[in-house]
Amino acid sequence: MLWEALHSEVVGQFPGHSAFADQRPFIFIESQQQKLHYIDIEAEYSHSYPISTAAKGLGNLTDSNMTPYGIHRIKEKIGGGQPKGMVFKGRVPTGRITDRHNEHKMDEITSRILWLDGMEAGINKGGTNDSYHRFIYIHGTSDEKRIGRPVSIGCVRMNNDDVIELFDEVLVNDLVVIR
């Protein structure tokens, strides 16, 4: 895929929006391939990570247990400075660090959280389709063994080392495109 073309397509939908004030790197999530791409067009750099999206596929409806599609931005970054494996409940570190990284029965939110906010009114923002109010995150997991397969209940799961690396690269307002 031509990253420049994808970026131009997205920017063209939001003329003058503050999220596009400079040409920041962006995230492109390919659900069919279970890959997250971190793309910096200016530096001609991209890095891909294996992920896990929803077992039920893509969809934006509240309580659907699907990963929302479309154009998002990172609204909040949570967990900076926490140790790898820190377990979060309600976006608050619990003080417990999990040593379980292959435990699908627990599926804890671990290490870092990138909270997504939809940008497309009626698609992933507002009403019964609001990604932010659905608490859709990119986050670490205690279920690393199943990364690469669609098994989540809506969020985008990553290996803990990968989400920490990504967290350190992105900024609030950076774009996330999910297809």
Protein backbone atom coordinates (compact mmCIF):
# COMPACT_ATOMS: atom_id res chain seq x y z
CA MET A 1 0.00 0.00 0.00
CA LEU A 2 1.17 3.50 -0.74
CA TRP A 3 1.25 5.19 2.66
CA GLU A 4 1.26 8.67 1.10
CA ALA A 5 -1.98 7.91 -0.76
CA LEU A 6 -3.66 6.61 2.40
CA HIS A 7 -2.55 9.66 4.38
CA SER A 8 -3.78 12.05 1.65
CA GLU A 9 -7.14 10.25 1.54
CA VAL A 10 -7.61 10.63 5.29
CA VAL A 11 -6.44 14.25 5.45
CA GLY A 12 -8.74 15.12 2.54
CA GLN A 13 -11.77 14.12 4.62
CA PHE A 14 -10.93 16.65 7.37
CA PRO A 15 -9.73 19.90 5.78
CA GLY A 16 -8.25 22.26 8.36
CA HIS A 17 -8.57 19.84 11.30
CA SER A 18 -6.01 20.42 14.07
CA ALA A 19 -4.99 16.75 14.06
CA PHE A 20 -3.36 17.42 10.67
CA ALA A 21 -1.51 20.62 11.60
CA ASP A 22 1.79 18.90 10.85
CA GLN A 23 2.55 15.67 9.06
CA ARG A 24 2.90 13.41 12.08
CA PRO A 25 3.44 9.68 11.71
CA PHE A 26 0.23 7.66 11.85
CA ILE A 27 -1.03 4.17 12.63
CA PHE A 28 -2.72 1.95 10.07
CA ILE A 29 -4.43 -1.20 11.35
CA GLU A 30 -5.09 -3.95 8.81
CA SER A 31 -7.60 -6.22 10.51
CA GLN A 32 -7.52 -8.86 7.77
CA GLN A 33 -3.77 -9.31 8.24
CA GLN A 34 -3.84 -8.70 12.03
CA LYS A 35 -1.11 -6.08 11.63
CA LEU A 36 -0.56 -2.59 12.99
CA HIS A 37 1.72 -0.38 10.91
CA TYR A 38 3.39 2.68 12.40
CA ILE A 39 4.17 4.92 9.42
CA ASP A 40 6.37 8.00 9.22
CA ILE A 41 6.13 9.25 5.64
CA GLU A 42 8.68 12.04 6.02
CA ALA A 43 11.32 9.72 7.48
CA GLU A 44 10.35 7.02 4.97
CA TYR A 45 9.99 4.63 7.88
CA SER A 46 7.38 2.09 8.80
CA HIS A 47 7.31 -0.64 11.39
CA SER A 48 4.73 -3.43 11.60
CA TYR A 49 3.51 -5.26 14.67
CA PRO A 50 1.28 -8.33 15.05
CA ILE A 51 -2.01 -7.53 16.79
CA SER A 52 -5.31 -9.06 17.77
CA THR A 53 -8.57 -7.37 16.81
CA ALA A 54 -12.11 -8.50 17.63
CA ALA A 55 -13.24 -12.07 17.17
CA LYS A 56 -16.53 -10.70 15.80
CA GLY A 57 -14.80 -8.57 13.15
CA LEU A 58 -15.18 -4.88 12.43
CA GLY A 59 -18.19 -2.83 13.49
CA ASN A 60 -18.94 0.42 15.25
CA LEU A 61 -22.12 -0.25 17.20
CA THR A 62 -21.97 0.01 21.00
CA ASP A 63 -21.97 -3.40 22.75
CA SER A 64 -21.16 -5.18 19.47
CA ASN A 65 -17.80 -6.55 20.75
CA MET A 66 -16.38 -5.56 17.36
CA THR A 67 -13.32 -3.45 16.55
CA PRO A 68 -14.47 -0.07 15.21
CA TYR A 69 -13.37 0.83 11.70
CA GLY A 70 -12.57 4.18 10.20
CA ILE A 71 -10.49 7.18 11.14
CA HIS A 72 -9.58 7.71 14.77
CA ARG A 73 -7.11 9.73 16.76
CA ILE A 74 -5.28 8.95 19.97
CA LYS A 75 -7.26 10.84 22.60
CA GLU A 76 -5.31 9.73 25.67
CA LYS A 77 -2.07 7.93 26.48
CA ILE A 78 -2.20 6.04 29.77
CA GLY A 79 0.51 4.14 31.61
CA GLY A 80 3.71 5.94 30.68
CA GLY A 81 6.48 4.97 33.08
CA GLN A 82 4.65 1.92 34.43
CA PRO A 83 6.56 -1.36 34.41
CA LYS A 84 5.93 -3.95 31.71
CA GLY A 85 3.01 -6.14 32.71
CA MET A 86 1.29 -3.57 34.97
CA VAL A 87 -2.39 -4.50 35.13
CA PHE A 88 -4.94 -1.72 34.63
CA LYS A 89 -8.55 -1.65 35.86
CA GLY A 90 -10.65 1.28 34.67
CA ARG A 91 -7.45 2.78 33.18
CA VAL A 92 -5.84 2.95 36.62
CA PRO A 93 -2.71 0.92 37.43
CA THR A 94 -3.60 -1.70 40.04
CA GLY A 95 -0.08 -2.05 41.43
CA ARG A 96 -0.06 -5.69 40.30
CA ILE A 97 2.34 -6.75 37.60
CA THR A 98 1.26 -9.86 35.78
CA ASP A 99 3.74 -12.53 34.87
CA ARG A 100 1.08 -14.24 32.77
CA HIS A 101 1.56 -13.49 29.12
CA ASN A 102 -0.23 -16.50 27.71
CA GLU A 103 -3.37 -16.48 29.83
CA HIS A 104 -6.43 -16.04 27.64
CA LYS A 105 -8.89 -16.64 30.46
CA MET A 106 -7.72 -13.51 32.28
CA ASP A 107 -7.03 -11.19 29.29
CA GLU A 108 -5.92 -8.30 31.43
CA ILE A 109 -5.18 -4.85 30.03
CA THR A 110 -1.47 -4.45 30.64
CA SER A 111 1.57 -2.18 30.19
CA ARG A 112 0.12 0.75 28.17
CA ILE A 113 -3.19 2.11 26.87
CA LEU A 114 -3.80 4.28 23.81
CA TRP A 115 -7.44 5.37 24.08
CA LEU A 116 -9.01 5.97 20.68
CA ASP A 117 -11.51 8.64 19.69
CA GLY A 118 -13.47 8.30 16.45
CA MET A 119 -13.36 11.24 14.06
CA GLU A 120 -16.22 10.37 11.69
CA ALA A 121 -19.60 11.60 12.91
CA GLY A 122 -22.23 8.87 12.64
CA ILE A 123 -19.61 6.24 11.86
CA ASN A 124 -17.35 6.07 14.93
CA LYS A 125 -18.16 9.31 16.74
CA GLY A 126 -21.39 10.14 18.52
CA GLY A 127 -24.60 8.30 19.25
CA THR A 128 -24.44 4.52 19.41
CA ASN A 129 -21.22 4.37 17.36
CA ASP A 130 -18.78 6.28 19.58
CA SER A 131 -15.37 4.57 19.88
CA TYR A 132 -14.27 6.76 22.79
CA HIS A 133 -17.39 6.02 24.83
CA ARG A 134 -17.00 2.32 23.98
CA PHE A 135 -13.57 2.46 25.68
CA ILE A 136 -11.72 1.24 22.59
CA TYR A 137 -7.98 1.01 23.22
CA ILE A 138 -4.76 -0.20 21.73
CA HIS A 139 -3.27 -2.00 24.75
CA GLY A 140 -0.97 -4.69 26.06
CA THR A 141 -2.46 -8.03 27.08
CA SER A 142 -1.87 -11.05 29.27
CA ASP A 143 -3.01 -13.11 26.27
CA GLU A 144 0.09 -12.71 24.09
CA LYS A 145 -0.07 -16.29 22.84
CA ARG A 146 -3.09 -15.46 20.68
CA ILE A 147 -1.69 -12.26 19.15
CA GLY A 148 -2.03 -12.55 15.39
CA ARG A 149 -5.56 -13.94 15.57
CA PRO A 150 -8.83 -11.98 15.91
CA VAL A 151 -9.87 -12.85 19.48
CA SER A 152 -10.48 -9.56 21.35
CA ILE A 153 -13.84 -8.12 22.36
CA GLY A 154 -13.26 -4.85 20.48
CA CYS A 155 -9.90 -3.41 21.44
CA VAL A 156 -6.65 -3.83 19.54
CA ARG A 157 -4.32 -6.02 21.60
CA MET A 158 -0.55 -5.97 21.27
CA ASN A 159 2.40 -7.78 22.81
CA ASN A 160 3.58 -5.86 25.86
CA ASP A 161 7.03 -5.02 24.49
CA ASP A 162 5.44 -3.79 21.25
CA VAL A 163 2.82 -1.56 22.87
CA ILE A 164 5.48 0.03 25.08
CA GLU A 165 7.62 0.75 22.01
CA LEU A 166 4.65 2.19 20.10
CA PHE A 167 3.48 4.24 23.10
CA ASP A 168 6.87 5.95 23.26
CA GLU A 169 6.62 6.95 19.58
CA VAL A 170 3.08 8.31 19.30
CA LEU A 171 1.53 11.55 20.52
CA VAL A 172 -1.98 12.50 21.56
CA ASN A 173 -3.94 13.43 18.39
CA ASP A 174 -1.92 11.11 16.13
CA LEU A 175 -4.12 9.40 13.54
CA VAL A 176 -5.21 5.76 13.67
CA VAL A 177 -6.90 4.29 10.58
CA ILE A 178 -8.63 0.94 11.06
CA ARG A 179 -9.71 -1.13 8.07
